[in-house]
């Protein structure tokens, strides 16, 4: 009888352990299902200011990664006519966002999906909004740079992207927010020619790049000098060359658009006598 009772106890314990194991998710499952960050809504006034900074229009497709109650995409749709997609791993947040979209009357412009923001396809987005922890911003950064098209924008409330410096920064009270434009790849050696004094002069620009920050040296027929006033905004590029040609000082203002391995636009050449404008195109030489 004693052995029989002991056996019943052991069976009971075994069933209890098995039931606990089945009902309680494994650490990996629990980690996947639980939100990655504690939910805290961005103040509505700051939502308004951030969208204003990004110059949102009806042509935008706004993705909010970790959308919470959906206020960014709902505001973008209601105020600017933009389309929007909200992603959150917490199903309760998705239900709340859907309710808020119905109340705002923008269900034809926005949708909300339960999912992992790192696995979400964001290629159609023209603006991505974040309110994540700094380490998540850094982990997400390669995805943003790889999947978003040059000229797409990124907004982040409170946290930056470490050494990827923002194009703009805003403050509201003690809160701050950041804005980036996805840069295109311009690193390398670019060459072009211009008709000056009835001959074709050849130029080259050797560009180095760290995100949207670029530096370059220009080689002219007579000298090598630094490019001035260099900027890169998405796929738009500009720089100034102060150049001495046949004893004449001139300033060349280059403005153009980068399309793969070509760069084309306008150059305005100023001397003390005249202002001349040319169409301009440079090509990137393949790396050796």
C-alpha atoms as a PDB file:
ATOM      1  CA  UNK A   1       0.000   0.000   0.000  1.00  0.00           C
ATOM      2  CA  UNK A   2       2.837   2.370   0.836  1.00  0.00           C
ATOM      3  CA  UNK A   3       4.470   1.794  -2.535  1.00  0.00           C
ATOM      4  CA  UNK A   4       1.133   2.285  -4.313  1.00  0.00           C
ATOM      5  CA  UNK A   5       0.538   5.669  -2.594  1.00  0.00           C
ATOM      6  CA  UNK A   6       4.057   6.785  -3.416  1.00  0.00           C
ATOM      7  CA  UNK A   7       3.452   5.849  -7.034  1.00  0.00           C
ATOM      8  CA  UNK A   8       0.277   7.938  -7.131  1.00  0.00           C
ATOM      9  CA  UNK A   9       2.186  10.928  -5.758  1.00  0.00           C
ATOM     10  CA  UNK A  10       4.901  10.527  -8.359  1.00  0.00           C
ATOM     11  CA  UNK A  11       2.332  10.269 -11.146  1.00  0.00           C
ATOM     12  CA  UNK A  12       0.616  13.397  -9.850  1.00  0.00           C
ATOM     13  CA  UNK A  13       3.931  15.293  -9.785  1.00  0.00           C
ATOM     14  CA  UNK A  14       4.789  14.116 -13.292  1.00  0.00           C
ATOM     15  CA  UNK A  15       1.424  15.274 -14.648  1.00  0.00           C
ATOM     16  CA  UNK A  16       1.827  18.650 -12.901  1.00  0.00           C
ATOM     17  CA  UNK A  17       5.311  19.186 -14.361  1.00  0.00           C
ATOM     18  CA  UNK A  18       4.174  18.213 -17.853  1.00  0.00           C
ATOM     19  CA  UNK A  19       1.158  20.518 -17.650  1.00  0.00           C
ATOM     20  CA  UNK A  20       3.336  23.410 -16.487  1.00  0.00           C
ATOM     21  CA  UNK A  21       5.775  22.779 -19.342  1.00  0.00           C
ATOM     22  CA  UNK A  22       3.019  22.751 -21.966  1.00  0.00           C
ATOM     23  CA  UNK A  23       1.216  25.844 -20.667  1.00  0.00           C
ATOM     24  CA  UNK A  24       4.305  27.931 -19.953  1.00  0.00           C
ATOM     25  CA  UNK A  25       6.099  29.024 -23.153  1.00  0.00           C
ATOM     26  CA  UNK A  26       9.781  28.418 -23.688  1.00  0.00           C
ATOM     27  CA  UNK A  27      12.076  31.443 -23.197  1.00  0.00           C
ATOM     28  CA  UNK A  28      12.543  31.876 -26.953  1.00  0.00           C
ATOM     29  CA  UNK A  29       8.790  31.779 -27.590  1.00  0.00           C
ATOM     30  CA  UNK A  30       8.046  34.179 -24.758  1.00  0.00           C
ATOM     31  CA  UNK A  31      10.756  36.556 -25.954  1.00  0.00           C
ATOM     32  CA  UNK A  32       9.358  36.533 -29.470  1.00  0.00           C
ATOM     33  CA  UNK A  33       5.801  37.244 -28.351  1.00  0.00           C
ATOM     34  CA  UNK A  34       6.515  39.916 -25.752  1.00  0.00           C
ATOM     35  CA  UNK A  35       7.017  43.536 -26.865  1.00  0.00           C
ATOM     36  CA  UNK A  36      10.706  44.422 -27.205  1.00  0.00           C
ATOM     37  CA  UNK A  37      10.292  47.761 -25.410  1.00  0.00           C
ATOM     38  CA  UNK A  38       7.986  49.144 -22.749  1.00  0.00           C
ATOM     39  CA  UNK A  39       5.096  50.971 -24.412  1.00  0.00           C
ATOM     40  CA  UNK A  40       4.944  54.700 -23.820  1.00  0.00           C
ATOM     41  CA  UNK A  41       3.020  56.961 -26.183  1.00  0.00           C
ATOM     42  CA  UNK A  42       4.713  59.932 -27.828  1.00  0.00           C
ATOM     43  CA  UNK A  43       2.961  63.166 -26.763  1.00  0.00           C
ATOM     44  CA  UNK A  44       0.579  64.253 -29.528  1.00  0.00           C
ATOM     45  CA  UNK A  45       2.109  67.719 -29.787  1.00  0.00           C
ATOM     46  CA  UNK A  46       5.493  66.110 -30.525  1.00  0.00           C
ATOM     47  CA  UNK A  47       3.890  63.782 -33.098  1.00  0.00           C
ATOM     48  CA  UNK A  48       2.633  66.928 -34.853  1.00  0.00           C
ATOM     49  CA  UNK A  49       6.040  68.618 -34.701  1.00  0.00           C
ATOM     50  CA  UNK A  50       7.913  65.557 -35.967  1.00  0.00           C
ATOM     51  CA  UNK A  51       5.605  65.103 -38.952  1.00  0.00           C
ATOM     52  CA  UNK A  52       5.973  68.802 -39.715  1.00  0.00           C
ATOM     53  CA  UNK A  53       9.766  68.443 -39.661  1.00  0.00           C
ATOM     54  CA  UNK A  54       9.527  65.552 -42.144  1.00  0.00           C
ATOM     55  CA  UNK A  55       7.343  67.692 -44.448  1.00  0.00           C
ATOM     56  CA  UNK A  56       4.813  64.882 -44.875  1.00  0.00           C
ATOM     57  CA  UNK A  57       2.503  65.072 -47.911  1.00  0.00           C
ATOM     58  CA  UNK A  58      -0.315  63.005 -49.376  1.00  0.00           C
ATOM     59  CA  UNK A  59       2.274  61.184 -51.489  1.00  0.00           C
ATOM     60  CA  UNK A  60       4.000  59.676 -48.451  1.00  0.00           C
ATOM     61  CA  UNK A  61       3.774  56.121 -47.168  1.00  0.00           C
ATOM     62  CA  UNK A  62       4.499  56.282 -43.441  1.00  0.00           C
ATOM     63  CA  UNK A  63       5.653  53.177 -41.563  1.00  0.00           C
ATOM     64  CA  UNK A  64       5.673  53.258 -37.760  1.00  0.00           C
ATOM     65  CA  UNK A  65       7.803  50.411 -36.385  1.00  0.00           C
ATOM     66  CA  UNK A  66       6.467  49.804 -32.886  1.00  0.00           C
ATOM     67  CA  UNK A  67       3.312  51.808 -33.567  1.00  0.00           C
ATOM     68  CA  UNK A  68       1.715  51.652 -30.109  1.00  0.00           C
ATOM     69  CA  UNK A  69      -1.741  53.224 -30.384  1.00  0.00           C
ATOM     70  CA  UNK A  70      -1.153  54.205 -34.031  1.00  0.00           C
ATOM     71  CA  UNK A  71      -1.075  57.947 -33.505  1.00  0.00           C
ATOM     72  CA  UNK A  72       1.769  58.693 -35.963  1.00  0.00           C
ATOM     73  CA  UNK A  73       0.214  57.035 -39.016  1.00  0.00           C
ATOM     74  CA  UNK A  74      -3.296  58.154 -38.033  1.00  0.00           C
ATOM     75  CA  UNK A  75      -2.151  61.777 -37.679  1.00  0.00           C
ATOM     76  CA  UNK A  76      -0.235  61.614 -40.980  1.00  0.00           C
ATOM     77  CA  UNK A  77      -3.366  60.280 -42.715  1.00  0.00           C
ATOM     78  CA  UNK A  78      -5.836  62.659 -41.051  1.00  0.00           C
ATOM     79  CA  UNK A  79      -3.765  65.835 -41.344  1.00  0.00           C
ATOM     80  CA  UNK A  80      -1.780  65.312 -44.561  1.00  0.00           C
ATOM     81  CA  UNK A  81      -3.651  62.614 -46.473  1.00  0.00           C
ATOM     82  CA  UNK A  82      -0.681  60.219 -46.332  1.00  0.00           C
ATOM     83  CA  UNK A  83      -1.036  56.453 -46.325  1.00  0.00           C
ATOM     84  CA  UNK A  84       0.351  54.563 -43.364  1.00  0.00           C
ATOM     85  CA  UNK A  85       1.272  51.167 -41.935  1.00  0.00           C
ATOM     86  CA  UNK A  86       1.743  50.472 -38.237  1.00  0.00           C
ATOM     87  CA  UNK A  87       3.697  47.452 -37.012  1.00  0.00           C
ATOM     88  CA  UNK A  88       3.660  46.202 -33.425  1.00  0.00           C
ATOM     89  CA  UNK A  89       4.433  42.856 -31.823  1.00  0.00           C
ATOM     90  CA  UNK A  90       1.753  43.365 -29.152  1.00  0.00           C
ATOM     91  CA  UNK A  91      -1.738  42.331 -30.398  1.00  0.00           C
ATOM     92  CA  UNK A  92      -3.394  44.639 -27.853  1.00  0.00           C
ATOM     93  CA  UNK A  93      -1.663  47.642 -29.409  1.00  0.00           C
ATOM     94  CA  UNK A  94      -2.858  46.581 -32.855  1.00  0.00           C
ATOM     95  CA  UNK A  95      -6.484  46.354 -31.664  1.00  0.00           C
ATOM     96  CA  UNK A  96      -6.156  49.765 -30.013  1.00  0.00           C
ATOM     97  CA  UNK A  97      -4.677  51.274 -33.200  1.00  0.00           C
ATOM     98  CA  UNK A  98      -7.494  49.865 -35.312  1.00  0.00           C
ATOM     99  CA  UNK A  99     -10.095  51.338 -32.955  1.00  0.00           C
ATOM    100  CA  UNK A 100      -8.371  54.720 -33.079  1.00  0.00           C
ATOM    101  CA  UNK A 101      -8.237  54.628 -36.890  1.00  0.00           C
ATOM    102  CA  UNK A 102     -11.993  53.979 -37.042  1.00  0.00           C
ATOM    103  CA  UNK A 103     -12.667  56.888 -34.700  1.00  0.00           C
ATOM    104  CA  UNK A 104     -10.470  59.166 -36.839  1.00  0.00           C
ATOM    105  CA  UNK A 105     -12.162  58.022 -40.044  1.00  0.00           C
ATOM    106  CA  UNK A 106      -8.929  57.024 -41.797  1.00  0.00           C
ATOM    107  CA  UNK A 107      -9.315  53.249 -42.161  1.00  0.00           C
ATOM    108  CA  UNK A 108      -9.105  53.664 -45.950  1.00  0.00           C
ATOM    109  CA  UNK A 109      -5.583  55.102 -45.595  1.00  0.00           C
ATOM    110  CA  UNK A 110      -3.970  53.132 -42.764  1.00  0.00           C
ATOM    111  CA  UNK A 111      -3.497  49.532 -41.724  1.00  0.00           C
ATOM    112  CA  UNK A 112      -1.995  47.886 -38.671  1.00  0.00           C
ATOM    113  CA  UNK A 113      -0.180  44.566 -38.569  1.00  0.00           C
ATOM    114  CA  UNK A 114       1.066  42.398 -35.743  1.00  0.00           C
ATOM    115  CA  UNK A 115       4.664  41.480 -36.468  1.00  0.00           C
ATOM    116  CA  UNK A 116       8.364  41.734 -35.791  1.00  0.00           C
ATOM    117  CA  UNK A 117       9.703  45.076 -36.969  1.00  0.00           C
ATOM    118  CA  UNK A 118      13.031  43.483 -37.938  1.00  0.00           C
ATOM    119  CA  UNK A 119      11.237  41.100 -40.312  1.00  0.00           C
ATOM    120  CA  UNK A 120       8.868  43.689 -41.799  1.00  0.00           C
ATOM    121  CA  UNK A 121       9.328  44.618 -45.460  1.00  0.00           C
ATOM    122  CA  UNK A 122       9.717  48.411 -45.419  1.00  0.00           C
ATOM    123  CA  UNK A 123      10.838  48.968 -49.012  1.00  0.00           C
ATOM    124  CA  UNK A 124       7.744  50.934 -50.004  1.00  0.00           C
ATOM    125  CA  UNK A 125       8.058  53.380 -47.097  1.00  0.00           C
ATOM    126  CA  UNK A 126       8.963  56.992 -47.791  1.00  0.00           C
ATOM    127  CA  UNK A 127       9.034  57.798 -44.068  1.00  0.00           C
ATOM    128  CA  UNK A 128       9.806  55.480 -41.143  1.00  0.00           C
ATOM    129  CA  UNK A 129       8.995  56.504 -37.563  1.00  0.00           C
ATOM    130  CA  UNK A 130      10.707  55.026 -34.495  1.00  0.00           C
ATOM    131  CA  UNK A 131      10.404  55.259 -30.736  1.00  0.00           C
ATOM    132  CA  UNK A 132      12.735  52.490 -29.661  1.00  0.00           C
ATOM    133  CA  UNK A 133      15.638  52.005 -27.302  1.00  0.00           C
ATOM    134  CA  UNK A 134      19.088  53.146 -28.516  1.00  0.00           C
ATOM    135  CA  UNK A 135      20.404  49.612 -29.009  1.00  0.00           C
ATOM    136  CA  UNK A 136      17.355  48.724 -31.118  1.00  0.00           C
ATOM    137  CA  UNK A 137      17.898  51.818 -33.264  1.00  0.00           C
ATOM    138  CA  UNK A 138      21.467  50.696 -33.873  1.00  0.00           C
ATOM    139  CA  UNK A 139      20.384  47.146 -34.663  1.00  0.00           C
ATOM    140  CA  UNK A 140      17.740  48.429 -37.070  1.00  0.00           C
ATOM    141  CA  UNK A 141      20.060  50.899 -38.816  1.00  0.00           C
ATOM    142  CA  UNK A 142      21.491  48.487 -41.465  1.00  0.00           C
ATOM    143  CA  UNK A 143      17.957  47.486 -42.474  1.00  0.00           C
ATOM    144  CA  UNK A 144      16.927  51.115 -42.927  1.00  0.00           C
ATOM    145  CA  UNK A 145      19.960  51.906 -45.066  1.00  0.00           C
ATOM    146  CA  UNK A 146      19.588  48.755 -47.151  1.00  0.00           C
ATOM    147  CA  UNK A 147      15.834  48.631 -47.765  1.00  0.00           C
ATOM    148  CA  UNK A 148      14.781  52.279 -47.944  1.00  0.00           C
ATOM    149  CA  UNK A 149      15.277  54.169 -51.180  1.00  0.00           C
ATOM    150  CA  UNK A 150      17.597  57.206 -51.279  1.00  0.00           C
ATOM    151  CA  UNK A 151      15.582  60.232 -50.265  1.00  0.00           C
ATOM    152  CA  UNK A 152      13.332  58.308 -47.863  1.00  0.00           C
ATOM    153  CA  UNK A 153      13.279  59.772 -44.363  1.00  0.00           C
ATOM    154  CA  UNK A 154      13.561  58.434 -40.833  1.00  0.00           C
ATOM    155  CA  UNK A 155      12.187  60.031 -37.665  1.00  0.00           C
ATOM    156  CA  UNK A 156      13.145  58.925 -34.150  1.00  0.00           C
ATOM    157  CA  UNK A 157      11.743  60.239 -30.895  1.00  0.00           C
ATOM    158  CA  UNK A 158      14.243  60.624 -28.033  1.00  0.00           C
ATOM    159  CA  UNK A 159      17.029  58.375 -29.376  1.00  0.00           C
ATOM    160  CA  UNK A 160      19.601  58.916 -32.129  1.00  0.00           C
ATOM    161  CA  UNK A 161      21.624  56.554 -34.366  1.00  0.00           C
ATOM    162  CA  UNK A 162      25.052  56.938 -32.738  1.00  0.00           C
ATOM    163  CA  UNK A 163      27.595  57.915 -35.431  1.00  0.00           C
ATOM    164  CA  UNK A 164      24.938  58.342 -38.130  1.00  0.00           C
ATOM    165  CA  UNK A 165      24.386  62.018 -37.395  1.00  0.00           C
ATOM    166  CA  UNK A 166      20.902  63.420 -37.998  1.00  0.00           C
ATOM    167  CA  UNK A 167      20.192  65.820 -40.844  1.00  0.00           C
ATOM    168  CA  UNK A 168      17.985  67.772 -38.462  1.00  0.00           C
ATOM    169  CA  UNK A 169      17.139  67.723 -34.778  1.00  0.00           C
ATOM    170  CA  UNK A 170      14.216  69.229 -32.914  1.00  0.00           C
ATOM    171  CA  UNK A 171      13.263  69.894 -29.306  1.00  0.00           C
ATOM    172  CA  UNK A 172      10.003  70.380 -27.482  1.00  0.00           C
ATOM    173  CA  UNK A 173      10.506  71.218 -23.851  1.00  0.00           C
ATOM    174  CA  UNK A 174      12.867  68.593 -22.498  1.00  0.00           C
ATOM    175  CA  UNK A 175      12.185  66.160 -25.341  1.00  0.00           C
ATOM    176  CA  UNK A 176      14.192  65.781 -28.523  1.00  0.00           C
ATOM    177  CA  UNK A 177      13.667  64.111 -31.864  1.00  0.00           C
ATOM    178  CA  UNK A 178      15.827  63.351 -34.876  1.00  0.00           C
ATOM    179  CA  UNK A 179      15.455  63.321 -38.663  1.00  0.00           C
ATOM    180  CA  UNK A 180      17.551  61.578 -41.319  1.00  0.00           C
ATOM    181  CA  UNK A 181      17.422  61.379 -45.110  1.00  0.00           C
ATOM    182  CA  UNK A 182      18.585  58.049 -46.534  1.00  0.00           C
ATOM    183  CA  UNK A 183      21.715  58.810 -48.592  1.00  0.00           C
ATOM    184  CA  UNK A 184      22.637  57.197 -51.881  1.00  0.00           C
ATOM    185  CA  UNK A 185      26.093  55.688 -52.459  1.00  0.00           C
ATOM    186  CA  UNK A 186      28.478  58.253 -53.994  1.00  0.00           C
ATOM    187  CA  UNK A 187      31.897  57.007 -52.868  1.00  0.00           C
ATOM    188  CA  UNK A 188      34.421  56.636 -55.672  1.00  0.00           C
ATOM    189  CA  UNK A 189      36.054  58.511 -58.531  1.00  0.00           C
ATOM    190  CA  UNK A 190      33.790  60.567 -60.802  1.00  0.00           C
ATOM    191  CA  UNK A 191      34.974  62.047 -64.129  1.00  0.00           C
ATOM    192  CA  UNK A 192      33.496  64.578 -66.561  1.00  0.00           C
ATOM    193  CA  UNK A 193      34.439  67.189 -69.186  1.00  0.00           C
ATOM    194  CA  UNK A 194      33.351  70.794 -69.803  1.00  0.00           C
ATOM    195  CA  UNK A 195      33.801  73.084 -72.834  1.00  0.00           C
ATOM    196  CA  UNK A 196      35.926  75.982 -71.618  1.00  0.00           C
ATOM    197  CA  UNK A 197      37.675  78.461 -73.908  1.00  0.00           C
ATOM    198  CA  UNK A 198      36.846  76.423 -77.010  1.00  0.00           C
ATOM    199  CA  UNK A 199      38.301  73.227 -75.630  1.00  0.00           C
ATOM    200  CA  UNK A 200      37.152  70.321 -73.494  1.00  0.00           C
ATOM    201  CA  UNK A 201      38.683  70.360 -70.031  1.00  0.00           C
ATOM    202  CA  UNK A 202      38.576  67.170 -68.013  1.00  0.00           C
ATOM    203  CA  UNK A 203      37.791  67.037 -64.297  1.00  0.00           C
ATOM    204  CA  UNK A 204      37.575  64.344 -61.672  1.00  0.00           C
ATOM    205  CA  UNK A 205      36.102  64.218 -58.174  1.00  0.00           C
ATOM    206  CA  UNK A 206      37.300  61.613 -55.677  1.00  0.00           C
ATOM    207  CA  UNK A 207      34.585  61.204 -53.033  1.00  0.00           C
ATOM    208  CA  UNK A 208      34.721  59.498 -49.646  1.00  0.00           C
ATOM    209  CA  UNK A 209      31.526  58.952 -47.684  1.00  0.00           C
ATOM    210  CA  UNK A 210      30.215  58.229 -44.199  1.00  0.00           C
ATOM    211  CA  UNK A 211      26.433  58.099 -44.401  1.00  0.00           C
ATOM    212  CA  UNK A 212      25.376  61.534 -45.755  1.00  0.00           C
ATOM    213  CA  UNK A 213      28.694  63.168 -44.883  1.00  0.00           C
ATOM    214  CA  UNK A 214      30.975  63.402 -47.919  1.00  0.00           C
ATOM    215  CA  UNK A 215      34.411  64.819 -48.660  1.00  0.00           C
ATOM    216  CA  UNK A 216      36.115  65.157 -52.013  1.00  0.00           C
ATOM    217  CA  UNK A 217      39.155  66.309 -53.930  1.00  0.00           C
ATOM    218  CA  UNK A 218      38.754  67.708 -57.446  1.00  0.00           C
ATOM    219  CA  UNK A 219      41.487  67.354 -60.052  1.00  0.00           C
ATOM    220  CA  UNK A 220      41.447  70.040 -62.755  1.00  0.00           C
ATOM    221  CA  UNK A 221      43.766  70.362 -65.769  1.00  0.00           C
ATOM    222  CA  UNK A 222      46.118  72.524 -63.683  1.00  0.00           C
ATOM    223  CA  UNK A 223      45.608  71.713 -60.000  1.00  0.00           C
ATOM    224  CA  UNK A 224      44.061  69.491 -57.339  1.00  0.00           C
ATOM    225  CA  UNK A 225      41.885  71.222 -54.760  1.00  0.00           C
ATOM    226  CA  UNK A 226      39.192  70.436 -52.231  1.00  0.00           C
ATOM    227  CA  UNK A 227      35.562  70.572 -53.269  1.00  0.00           C
ATOM    228  CA  UNK A 228      33.700  73.219 -51.286  1.00  0.00           C
ATOM    229  CA  UNK A 229      30.154  73.344 -49.908  1.00  0.00           C
ATOM    230  CA  UNK A 230      29.676  69.629 -50.509  1.00  0.00           C
ATOM    231  CA  UNK A 231      26.282  68.231 -49.597  1.00  0.00           C
ATOM    232  CA  UNK A 232      24.351  65.004 -50.141  1.00  0.00           C
ATOM    233  CA  UNK A 233      20.599  64.831 -49.485  1.00  0.00           C
ATOM    234  CA  UNK A 234      19.188  61.512 -50.572  1.00  0.00           C
ATOM    235  CA  UNK A 235      20.251  61.291 -54.227  1.00  0.00           C
ATOM    236  CA  UNK A 236      20.811  65.057 -54.588  1.00  0.00           C
ATOM    237  CA  UNK A 237      24.391  66.310 -54.595  1.00  0.00           C
ATOM    238  CA  UNK A 238      26.049  69.700 -54.848  1.00  0.00           C
ATOM    239  CA  UNK A 239      29.488  71.236 -54.564  1.00  0.00           C
ATOM    240  CA  UNK A 240      31.506  74.333 -55.452  1.00  0.00           C
ATOM    241  CA  UNK A 241      34.785  74.489 -57.367  1.00  0.00           C
ATOM    242  CA  UNK A 242      36.830  77.694 -57.310  1.00  0.00           C
ATOM    243  CA  UNK A 243      39.040  77.357 -60.333  1.00  0.00           C
ATOM    244  CA  UNK A 244      41.647  79.468 -62.092  1.00  0.00           C
ATOM    245  CA  UNK A 245      41.525  78.981 -65.849  1.00  0.00           C
ATOM    246  CA  UNK A 246      43.749  80.896 -68.337  1.00  0.00           C
ATOM    247  CA  UNK A 247      44.500  83.570 -65.744  1.00  0.00           C
ATOM    248  CA  UNK A 248      40.800  83.975 -65.048  1.00  0.00           C
ATOM    249  CA  UNK A 249      39.144  83.221 -61.713  1.00  0.00           C
ATOM    250  CA  UNK A 250      35.882  81.338 -61.911  1.00  0.00           C
ATOM    251  CA  UNK A 251      33.422  79.675 -59.593  1.00  0.00           C
ATOM    252  CA  UNK A 252      31.619  76.508 -60.684  1.00  0.00           C
ATOM    253  CA  UNK A 253      28.447  75.624 -58.806  1.00  0.00           C
ATOM    254  CA  UNK A 254      27.500  71.987 -59.480  1.00  0.00           C
ATOM    255  CA  UNK A 255      24.041  70.684 -58.662  1.00  0.00           C
ATOM    256  CA  UNK A 256      22.813  67.281 -59.727  1.00  0.00           C
ATOM    257  CA  UNK A 257      21.210  63.940 -59.035  1.00  0.00           C
ATOM    258  CA  UNK A 258      22.970  60.612 -58.561  1.00  0.00           C
ATOM    259  CA  UNK A 259      21.565  57.656 -60.486  1.00  0.00           C
ATOM    260  CA  UNK A 260      23.714  54.575 -59.927  1.00  0.00           C
ATOM    261  CA  UNK A 261      27.054  55.243 -61.611  1.00  0.00           C
ATOM    262  CA  UNK A 262      26.030  58.511 -63.250  1.00  0.00           C
ATOM    263  CA  UNK A 263      25.636  62.000 -61.842  1.00  0.00           C
ATOM    264  CA  UNK A 264      23.873  64.645 -63.900  1.00  0.00           C
ATOM    265  CA  UNK A 265      22.500  68.126 -63.494  1.00  0.00           C
ATOM    266  CA  UNK A 266      23.510  71.742 -64.071  1.00  0.00           C
ATOM    267  CA  UNK A 267      26.720  73.658 -63.537  1.00  0.00           C
ATOM    268  CA  UNK A 268      26.737  77.439 -63.256  1.00  0.00           C
ATOM    269  CA  UNK A 269      30.079  79.049 -64.096  1.00  0.00           C
ATOM    270  CA  UNK A 270      30.637  82.579 -62.815  1.00  0.00           C
ATOM    271  CA  UNK A 271      33.458  84.910 -63.765  1.00  0.00           C
ATOM    272  CA  UNK A 272      33.787  88.656 -63.262  1.00  0.00           C
ATOM    273  CA  UNK A 273      32.512  89.038 -66.844  1.00  0.00           C
ATOM    274  CA  UNK A 274      29.688  86.529 -67.251  1.00  0.00           C
ATOM    275  CA  UNK A 275      27.528  83.700 -65.942  1.00  0.00           C
ATOM    276  CA  UNK A 276      27.248  80.561 -68.105  1.00  0.00           C
ATOM    277  CA  UNK A 277      25.164  77.458 -67.449  1.00  0.00           C
ATOM    278  CA  UNK A 278      25.819  73.997 -68.848  1.00  0.00           C
ATOM    279  CA  UNK A 279      24.247  70.604 -68.578  1.00  0.00           C
ATOM    280  CA  UNK A 280      26.678  68.424 -66.700  1.00  0.00           C
ATOM    281  CA  UNK A 281      27.160  64.678 -66.402  1.00  0.00           C
ATOM    282  CA  UNK A 282      29.799  62.694 -64.536  1.00  0.00           C
ATOM    283  CA  UNK A 283      30.354  58.948 -64.508  1.00  0.00           C
ATOM    284  CA  UNK A 284      31.841  56.824 -61.765  1.00  0.00           C
ATOM    285  CA  UNK A 285      34.841  54.758 -62.689  1.00  0.00           C
ATOM    286  CA  UNK A 286      34.745  51.122 -61.579  1.00  0.00           C
ATOM    287  CA  UNK A 287      36.906  50.236 -58.580  1.00  0.00           C
ATOM    288  CA  UNK A 288      40.221  48.647 -59.610  1.00  0.00           C
END
